[in-house]
Amino acid sequence: METENGEYGRQERIALVAIVVVASLTVASLLVAFSYYCYIRNKLSKRLKNHSSKSPFVFSSENQLSLFVKFAASVWLLENEKN
């Protein structure tokens, strides 16, 4: 009876470690995606500042949100393709 409890406890630990590893990778992926988003946004901001105000590439906050949602969705899809 003790071996069954010991085996069950071992399986619980393995499952817990697997869950923690997957959660850690997910958080790391989100941090990478967010930092890349900030990098791209910074580059676009600098580019827009260098152009005149008559530039056709003027982004509103709604447009930026739309771009971020599309970017986040593409990152999520890429992560799910790996699994």
PDB file of N, CA and C in Angstrom:
ATOM      1  N   MET A   1       0.820  -1.190   0.000  1.00  0.00           N
ATOM      2  CA  MET A   1       0.000   0.000   0.000  1.00  0.00           C
ATOM      3  C   MET A   1       0.864   1.254   0.000  1.00  0.00           C
ATOM      4  N   GLU A   2       1.991   1.180   0.685  1.00  0.00           N
ATOM      5  CA  GLU A   2       2.880   2.340   0.711  1.00  0.00           C
ATOM      6  C   GLU A   2       3.482   2.614  -0.656  1.00  0.00           C
ATOM      7  N   THR A   3       3.756   1.582  -1.417  1.00  0.00           N
ATOM      8  CA  THR A   3       4.343   1.805  -2.733  1.00  0.00           C
ATOM      9  C   THR A   3       3.350   2.499  -3.668  1.00  0.00           C
ATOM     10  N   GLU A   4       2.060   2.192  -3.514  1.00  0.00           N
ATOM     11  CA  GLU A   4       1.065   2.869  -4.341  1.00  0.00           C
ATOM     12  C   GLU A   4       0.993   4.348  -3.987  1.00  0.00           C
ATOM     13  N   ASN A   5       1.023   4.682  -2.700  1.00  0.00           N
ATOM     14  CA  ASN A   5       1.000   6.083  -2.279  1.00  0.00           C
ATOM     15  C   ASN A   5       2.279   6.794  -2.711  1.00  0.00           C
ATOM     16  N   GLY A   6       3.405   6.098  -2.590  1.00  0.00           N
ATOM     17  CA  GLY A   6       4.668   6.686  -3.014  1.00  0.00           C
ATOM     18  C   GLY A   6       4.696   6.935  -4.501  1.00  0.00           C
ATOM     19  N   GLU A   7       4.177   5.990  -5.272  1.00  0.00           N
ATOM     20  CA  GLU A   7       4.122   6.143  -6.731  1.00  0.00           C
ATOM     21  C   GLU A   7       3.165   7.272  -7.116  1.00  0.00           C
ATOM     22  N   TYR A   8       2.041   7.343  -6.406  1.00  0.00           N
ATOM     23  CA  TYR A   8       1.083   8.412  -6.667  1.00  0.00           C
ATOM     24  C   TYR A   8       1.699   9.777  -6.357  1.00  0.00           C
ATOM     25  N   GLY A   9       2.415   9.875  -5.267  1.00  0.00           N
ATOM     26  CA  GLY A   9       3.081  11.126  -4.903  1.00  0.00           C
ATOM     27  C   GLY A   9       4.144  11.501  -5.923  1.00  0.00           C
ATOM     28  N   ARG A  10       4.857  10.518  -6.447  1.00  0.00           N
ATOM     29  CA  ARG A  10       5.876  10.773  -7.468  1.00  0.00           C
ATOM     30  C   ARG A  10       5.229  11.307  -8.746  1.00  0.00           C
ATOM     31  N   GLN A  11       4.114  10.710  -9.125  1.00  0.00           N
ATOM     32  CA  GLN A  11       3.406  11.173 -10.319  1.00  0.00           C
ATOM     33  C   GLN A  11       2.878  12.591 -10.122  1.00  0.00           C
ATOM     34  N   GLU A  12       2.417  12.905  -8.910  1.00  0.00           N
ATOM     35  CA  GLU A  12       1.961  14.265  -8.622  1.00  0.00           C
ATOM     36  C   GLU A  12       3.096  15.268  -8.771  1.00  0.00           C
ATOM     37  N   ARG A  13       4.264  14.925  -8.262  1.00  0.00           N
ATOM     38  CA  ARG A  13       5.412  15.826  -8.360  1.00  0.00           C
ATOM     39  C   ARG A  13       5.820  16.036  -9.814  1.00  0.00           C
ATOM     40  N   ILE A  14       5.813  14.964 -10.587  1.00  0.00           N
ATOM     41  CA  ILE A  14       6.172  15.078 -12.002  1.00  0.00           C
ATOM     42  C   ILE A  14       5.169  15.969 -12.733  1.00  0.00           C
ATOM     43  N   ALA A  15       3.878  15.780 -12.448  1.00  0.00           N
ATOM     44  CA  ALA A  15       2.852  16.608 -13.086  1.00  0.00           C
ATOM     45  C   ALA A  15       3.009  18.067 -12.669  1.00  0.00           C
ATOM     46  N   LEU A  16       3.299  18.305 -11.394  1.00  0.00           N
ATOM     47  CA  LEU A  16       3.476  19.671 -10.909  1.00  0.00           C
ATOM     48  C   LEU A  16       4.677  20.328 -11.571  1.00  0.00           C
ATOM     49  N   VAL A  17       5.772  19.609 -11.705  1.00  0.00           N
ATOM     50  CA  VAL A  17       6.958  20.155 -12.366  1.00  0.00           C
ATOM     51  C   VAL A  17       6.654  20.477 -13.825  1.00  0.00           C
ATOM     52  N   ALA A  18       5.926  19.590 -14.492  1.00  0.00           N
ATOM     53  CA  ALA A  18       5.568  19.835 -15.897  1.00  0.00           C
ATOM     54  C   ALA A  18       4.695  21.085 -16.031  1.00  0.00           C
ATOM     55  N   ILE A  19       3.745  21.247 -15.125  1.00  0.00           N
ATOM     56  CA  ILE A  19       2.870  22.426 -15.164  1.00  0.00           C
ATOM     57  C   ILE A  19       3.670  23.693 -14.927  1.00  0.00           C
ATOM     58  N   VAL A  20       4.578  23.667 -13.968  1.00  0.00           N
ATOM     59  CA  VAL A  20       5.396  24.844 -13.662  1.00  0.00           C
ATOM     60  C   VAL A  20       6.300  25.192 -14.845  1.00  0.00           C
ATOM     61  N   VAL A  21       6.865  24.188 -15.488  1.00  0.00           N
ATOM     62  CA  VAL A  21       7.735  24.433 -16.637  1.00  0.00           C
ATOM     63  C   VAL A  21       6.941  25.054 -17.786  1.00  0.00           C
ATOM     64  N   VAL A  22       5.786  24.518 -18.081  1.00  0.00           N
ATOM     65  CA  VAL A  22       4.958  25.062 -19.170  1.00  0.00           C
ATOM     66  C   VAL A  22       4.515  26.482 -18.839  1.00  0.00           C
ATOM     67  N   ALA A  23       4.123  26.721 -17.595  1.00  0.00           N
ATOM     68  CA  ALA A  23       3.713  28.070 -17.191  1.00  0.00           C
ATOM     69  C   ALA A  23       4.884  29.046 -17.300  1.00  0.00           C
ATOM     70  N   SER A  24       6.068  28.620 -16.912  1.00  0.00           N
ATOM     71  CA  SER A  24       7.247  29.482 -17.005  1.00  0.00           C
ATOM     72  C   SER A  24       7.569  29.819 -18.461  1.00  0.00           C
ATOM     73  N   LEU A  25       7.488  28.832 -19.329  1.00  0.00           N
ATOM     74  CA  LEU A  25       7.734  29.080 -20.749  1.00  0.00           C
ATOM     75  C   LEU A  25       6.693  30.026 -21.334  1.00  0.00           C
ATOM     76  N   THR A  26       5.454  29.901 -20.890  1.00  0.00           N
ATOM     77  CA  THR A  26       4.398  30.790 -21.367  1.00  0.00           C
ATOM     78  C   THR A  26       4.667  32.228 -20.944  1.00  0.00           C
ATOM     79  N   VAL A  27       5.031  32.416 -19.687  1.00  0.00           N
ATOM     80  CA  VAL A  27       5.327  33.764 -19.194  1.00  0.00           C
ATOM     81  C   VAL A  27       6.539  34.338 -19.924  1.00  0.00           C
ATOM     82  N   ALA A  28       7.557  33.510 -20.137  1.00  0.00           N
ATOM     83  CA  ALA A  28       8.741  33.980 -20.861  1.00  0.00           C
ATOM     84  C   ALA A  28       8.375  34.379 -22.294  1.00  0.00           C
ATOM     85  N   SER A  29       7.529  33.605 -22.934  1.00  0.00           N
ATOM     86  CA  SER A  29       7.097  33.939 -24.301  1.00  0.00           C
ATOM     87  C   SER A  29       6.334  35.253 -24.335  1.00  0.00           C
ATOM     88  N   LEU A  30       5.482  35.472 -23.340  1.00  0.00           N
ATOM     89  CA  LEU A  30       4.750  36.735 -23.280  1.00  0.00           C
ATOM     90  C   LEU A  30       5.685  37.914 -23.064  1.00  0.00           C
ATOM     91  N   LEU A  31       6.682  37.741 -22.218  1.00  0.00           N
ATOM     92  CA  LEU A  31       7.648  38.819 -21.987  1.00  0.00           C
ATOM     93  C   LEU A  31       8.443  39.133 -23.244  1.00  0.00           C
ATOM     94  N   VAL A  32       8.839  38.106 -23.964  1.00  0.00           N
ATOM     95  CA  VAL A  32       9.568  38.325 -25.219  1.00  0.00           C
ATOM     96  C   VAL A  32       8.677  39.030 -26.231  1.00  0.00           C
ATOM     97  N   ALA A  33       7.431  38.592 -26.341  1.00  0.00           N
ATOM     98  CA  ALA A  33       6.509  39.221 -27.296  1.00  0.00           C
ATOM     99  C   ALA A  33       6.258  40.680 -26.934  1.00  0.00           C
ATOM    100  N   PHE A  34       6.087  40.963 -25.648  1.00  0.00           N
ATOM    101  CA  PHE A  34       5.837  42.340 -25.230  1.00  0.00           C
ATOM    102  C   PHE A  34       7.069  43.215 -25.451  1.00  0.00           C
ATOM    103  N   SER A  35       8.256  42.684 -25.164  1.00  0.00           N
ATOM    104  CA  SER A  35       9.459  43.482 -25.386  1.00  0.00           C
ATOM    105  C   SER A  35       9.672  43.741 -26.879  1.00  0.00           C
ATOM    106  N   TYR A  36       9.364  42.775 -27.717  1.00  0.00           N
ATOM    107  CA  TYR A  36       9.478  42.977 -29.156  1.00  0.00           C
ATOM    108  C   TYR A  36       8.453  44.009 -29.631  1.00  0.00           C
ATOM    109  N   TYR A  37       7.247  43.954 -29.080  1.00  0.00           N
ATOM    110  CA  TYR A  37       6.229  44.953 -29.407  1.00  0.00           C
ATOM    111  C   TYR A  37       6.733  46.347 -29.040  1.00  0.00           C
ATOM    112  N   CYS A  38       7.324  46.487 -27.851  1.00  0.00           N
ATOM    113  CA  CYS A  38       7.844  47.795 -27.424  1.00  0.00           C
ATOM    114  C   CYS A  38       8.970  48.258 -28.343  1.00  0.00           C
ATOM    115  N   TYR A  39       9.814  47.342 -28.756  1.00  0.00           N
ATOM    116  CA  TYR A  39      10.910  47.662 -29.671  1.00  0.00           C
ATOM    117  C   TYR A  39      10.369  48.185 -31.001  1.00  0.00           C
ATOM    118  N   ILE A  40       9.403  47.460 -31.564  1.00  0.00           N
ATOM    119  CA  ILE A  40       8.815  47.866 -32.843  1.00  0.00           C
ATOM    120  C   ILE A  40       8.093  49.201 -32.699  1.00  0.00           C
ATOM    121  N   ARG A  41       7.360  49.369 -31.602  1.00  0.00           N
ATOM    122  CA  ARG A  41       6.645  50.622 -31.381  1.00  0.00           C
ATOM    123  C   ARG A  41       7.624  51.794 -31.262  1.00  0.00           C
ATOM    124  N   ASN A  42       8.737  51.584 -30.598  1.00  0.00           N
ATOM    125  CA  ASN A  42       9.759  52.618 -30.464  1.00  0.00           C
ATOM    126  C   ASN A  42      10.347  52.976 -31.834  1.00  0.00           C
ATOM    127  N   LYS A  43      10.622  51.967 -32.638  1.00  0.00           N
ATOM    128  CA  LYS A  43      11.152  52.210 -33.979  1.00  0.00           C
ATOM    129  C   LYS A  43      10.151  52.999 -34.823  1.00  0.00           C
ATOM    130  N   LEU A  44       8.881  52.611 -34.760  1.00  0.00           N
ATOM    131  CA  LEU A  44       7.859  53.333 -35.524  1.00  0.00           C
ATOM    132  C   LEU A  44       7.716  54.763 -35.028  1.00  0.00           C
ATOM    133  N   SER A  45       7.784  54.942 -33.730  1.00  0.00           N
ATOM    134  CA  SER A  45       7.664  56.284 -33.169  1.00  0.00           C
ATOM    135  C   SER A  45       8.806  57.180 -33.650  1.00  0.00           C
ATOM    136  N   LYS A  46      10.014  56.651 -33.638  1.00  0.00           N
ATOM    137  CA  LYS A  46      11.159  57.433 -34.114  1.00  0.00           C
ATOM    138  C   LYS A  46      11.023  57.746 -35.593  1.00  0.00           C
ATOM    139  N   ARG A  47      10.547  56.771 -36.361  1.00  0.00           N
ATOM    140  CA  ARG A  47      10.385  56.987 -37.795  1.00  0.00           C
ATOM    141  C   ARG A  47       9.327  58.051 -38.066  1.00  0.00           C
ATOM    142  N   LEU A  48       8.237  58.007 -37.302  1.00  0.00           N
ATOM    143  CA  LEU A  48       7.178  59.000 -37.497  1.00  0.00           C
ATOM    144  C   LEU A  48       7.630  60.390 -37.084  1.00  0.00           C
ATOM    145  N   LYS A  49       8.469  60.488 -36.073  1.00  0.00           N
ATOM    146  CA  LYS A  49       8.977  61.791 -35.649  1.00  0.00           C
ATOM    147  C   LYS A  49       9.915  62.384 -36.696  1.00  0.00           C
ATOM    148  N   ASN A  50      10.636  61.528 -37.397  1.00  0.00           N
ATOM    149  CA  ASN A  50      11.571  62.008 -38.418  1.00  0.00           C
ATOM    150  C   ASN A  50      10.860  62.494 -39.675  1.00  0.00           C
ATOM    151  N   HIS A  51       9.681  61.968 -39.946  1.00  0.00           N
ATOM    152  CA  HIS A  51       8.917  62.403 -41.121  1.00  0.00           C
ATOM    153  C   HIS A  51       8.113  63.648 -40.775  1.00  0.00           C
ATOM    154  N   SER A  52       7.663  64.304 -41.793  1.00  0.00           N
ATOM    155  CA  SER A  52       6.843  65.498 -41.577  1.00  0.00           C
ATOM    156  C   SER A  52       5.467  65.103 -41.050  1.00  0.00           C
ATOM    157  N   SER A  53       4.727  66.077 -40.572  1.00  0.00           N
ATOM    158  CA  SER A  53       3.395  65.804 -40.029  1.00  0.00           C
ATOM    159  C   SER A  53       2.398  65.439 -41.127  1.00  0.00           C
ATOM    160  N   LYS A  54       2.753  65.650 -42.383  1.00  0.00           N
ATOM    161  CA  LYS A  54       1.872  65.303 -43.492  1.00  0.00           C
ATOM    162  C   LYS A  54       2.066  63.858 -43.945  1.00  0.00           C
ATOM    163  N   SER A  55       2.790  63.103 -43.178  1.00  0.00           N
ATOM    164  CA  SER A  55       3.053  61.711 -43.527  1.00  0.00           C
ATOM    165  C   SER A  55       1.749  60.902 -43.538  1.00  0.00           C
ATOM    166  N   PRO A  56       1.597  60.005 -44.503  1.00  0.00           N
ATOM    167  CA  PRO A  56       0.372  59.189 -44.541  1.00  0.00           C
ATOM    168  C   PRO A  56       0.361  58.104 -43.472  1.00  0.00           C
ATOM    169  N   PHE A  57       1.473  57.911 -42.772  1.00  0.00           N
ATOM    170  CA  PHE A  57       1.574  56.852 -41.778  1.00  0.00           C
ATOM    171  C   PHE A  57       1.348  57.397 -40.372  1.00  0.00           C
ATOM    172  N   VAL A  58       0.185  57.947 -40.131  1.00  0.00           N
ATOM    173  CA  VAL A  58      -0.150  58.461 -38.809  1.00  0.00           C
ATOM    174  C   VAL A  58      -0.997  57.409 -38.113  1.00  0.00           C
ATOM    175  N   PHE A  59      -0.553  56.986 -36.916  1.00  0.00           N
ATOM    176  CA  PHE A  59      -1.232  55.926 -36.190  1.00  0.00           C
ATOM    177  C   PHE A  59      -2.048  56.504 -35.048  1.00  0.00           C
ATOM    178  N   SER A  60      -3.302  56.135 -35.002  1.00  0.00           N
ATOM    179  CA  SER A  60      -4.138  56.514 -33.871  1.00  0.00           C
ATOM    180  C   SER A  60      -3.994  55.448 -32.792  1.00  0.00           C
ATOM    181  N   SER A  61      -4.511  55.715 -31.612  1.00  0.00           N
ATOM    182  CA  SER A  61      -4.412  54.725 -30.536  1.00  0.00           C
ATOM    183  C   SER A  61      -5.204  53.470 -30.885  1.00  0.00           C
ATOM    184  N   GLU A  62      -6.323  53.610 -31.594  1.00  0.00           N
ATOM    185  CA  GLU A  62      -7.092  52.435 -32.015  1.00  0.00           C
ATOM    186  C   GLU A  62      -6.287  51.594 -32.994  1.00  0.00           C
ATOM    187  N   ASN A  63      -5.579  52.253 -33.905  1.00  0.00           N
ATOM    188  CA  ASN A  63      -4.760  51.538 -34.869  1.00  0.00           C
ATOM    189  C   ASN A  63      -3.613  50.813 -34.162  1.00  0.00           C
ATOM    190  N   GLN A  64      -2.995  51.448 -33.169  1.00  0.00           N
ATOM    191  CA  GLN A  64      -1.917  50.801 -32.423  1.00  0.00           C
ATOM    192  C   GLN A  64      -2.436  49.589 -31.677  1.00  0.00           C
ATOM    193  N   LEU A  65      -3.622  49.707 -31.085  1.00  0.00           N
ATOM    194  CA  LEU A  65      -4.216  48.572 -30.375  1.00  0.00           C
ATOM    195  C   LEU A  65      -4.493  47.437 -31.344  1.00  0.00           C
ATOM    196  N   SER A  66      -4.990  47.773 -32.525  1.00  0.00           N
ATOM    197  CA  SER A  66      -5.260  46.761 -33.539  1.00  0.00           C
ATOM    198  C   SER A  66      -3.975  46.050 -33.958  1.00  0.00           C
ATOM    199  N   LEU A  67      -2.903  46.824 -34.145  1.00  0.00           N
ATOM    200  CA  LEU A  67      -1.620  46.222 -34.508  1.00  0.00           C
ATOM    201  C   LEU A  67      -1.120  45.302 -33.410  1.00  0.00           C
ATOM    202  N   PHE A  68      -1.270  45.725 -32.153  1.00  0.00           N
ATOM    203  CA  PHE A  68      -0.811  44.896 -31.042  1.00  0.00           C
ATOM    204  C   PHE A  68      -1.617  43.607 -30.953  1.00  0.00           C
ATOM    205  N   VAL A  69      -2.917  43.682 -31.144  1.00  0.00           N
ATOM    206  CA  VAL A  69      -3.759  42.485 -31.082  1.00  0.00           C
ATOM    207  C   VAL A  69      -3.370  41.515 -32.192  1.00  0.00           C
ATOM    208  N   LYS A  70      -3.132  42.030 -33.384  1.00  0.00           N
ATOM    209  CA  LYS A  70      -2.715  41.164 -34.486  1.00  0.00           C
ATOM    210  C   LYS A  70      -1.367  40.525 -34.195  1.00  0.00           C
ATOM    211  N   PHE A  71      -0.443  41.302 -33.627  1.00  0.00           N
ATOM    212  CA  PHE A  71       0.872  40.783 -33.297  1.00  0.00           C
ATOM    213  C   PHE A  71       0.771  39.712 -32.211  1.00  0.00           C
ATOM    214  N   ALA A  72      -0.005  39.979 -31.171  1.00  0.00           N
ATOM    215  CA  ALA A  72      -0.159  39.016 -30.083  1.00  0.00           C
ATOM    216  C   ALA A  72      -0.808  37.730 -30.593  1.00  0.00           C
ATOM    217  N   ALA A  73      -1.779  37.859 -31.481  1.00  0.00           N
ATOM    218  CA  ALA A  73      -2.427  36.672 -32.041  1.00  0.00           C
ATOM    219  C   ALA A  73      -1.450  35.855 -32.868  1.00  0.00           C
ATOM    220  N   SER A  74      -0.595  36.518 -33.628  1.00  0.00           N
ATOM    221  CA  SER A  74       0.372  35.775 -34.440  1.00  0.00           C
ATOM    222  C   SER A  74       1.392  35.076 -33.559  1.00  0.00           C
ATOM    223  N   VAL A  75       1.819  35.711 -32.477  1.00  0.00           N
ATOM    224  CA  VAL A  75       2.753  35.059 -31.552  1.00  0.00           C
ATOM    225  C   VAL A  75       2.095  33.857 -30.904  1.00  0.00           C
ATOM    226  N   TRP A  76       0.837  34.007 -30.508  1.00  0.00           N
ATOM    227  CA  TRP A  76       0.113  32.905 -29.886  1.00  0.00           C
ATOM    228  C   TRP A  76      -0.022  31.731 -30.852  1.00  0.00           C
ATOM    229  N   LEU A  77      -0.330  32.027 -32.111  1.00  0.00           N
ATOM    230  CA  LEU A  77      -0.452  30.967 -33.105  1.00  0.00           C
ATOM    231  C   LEU A  77       0.882  30.258 -33.322  1.00  0.00           C
ATOM    232  N   LEU A  78       1.972  31.020 -33.354  1.00  0.00           N
ATOM    233  CA  LEU A  78       3.282  30.403 -33.536  1.00  0.00           C
ATOM    234  C   LEU A  78       3.632  29.511 -32.361  1.00  0.00           C
ATOM    235  N   GLU A  79       3.309  29.927 -31.149  1.00  0.00           N
ATOM    236  CA  GLU A  79       3.579  29.122 -29.972  1.00  0.00           C
ATOM    237  C   GLU A  79       2.761  27.834 -29.991  1.00  0.00           C
ATOM    238  N   ASN A  80       1.521  27.914 -30.444  1.00  0.00           N
ATOM    239  CA  ASN A  80       0.669  26.724 -30.469  1.00  0.00           C
ATOM    240  C   ASN A  80       1.052  25.771 -31.586  1.00  0.00           C
ATOM    241  N   GLU A  81       1.670  26.266 -32.637  1.00  0.00           N
ATOM    242  CA  GLU A  81       2.137  25.383 -33.705  1.00  0.00           C
ATOM    243  C   GLU A  81       3.290  24.506 -33.218  1.00  0.00           C
ATOM    244  N   LYS A  82       4.092  25.031 -32.307  1.00  0.00           N
ATOM    245  CA  LYS A  82       5.206  24.264 -31.768  1.00  0.00           C
ATOM    246  C   LYS A  82       4.717  23.076 -30.961  1.00  0.00           C
ATOM    247  N   ASN A  83       3.592  23.252 -30.281  1.00  0.00           N
ATOM    248  CA  ASN A  83       3.044  22.179 -29.426  1.00  0.00           C
ATOM    249  C   ASN A  83       2.238  21.277 -30.295  1.00  0.00           C
TER     250      ASN A  83
END
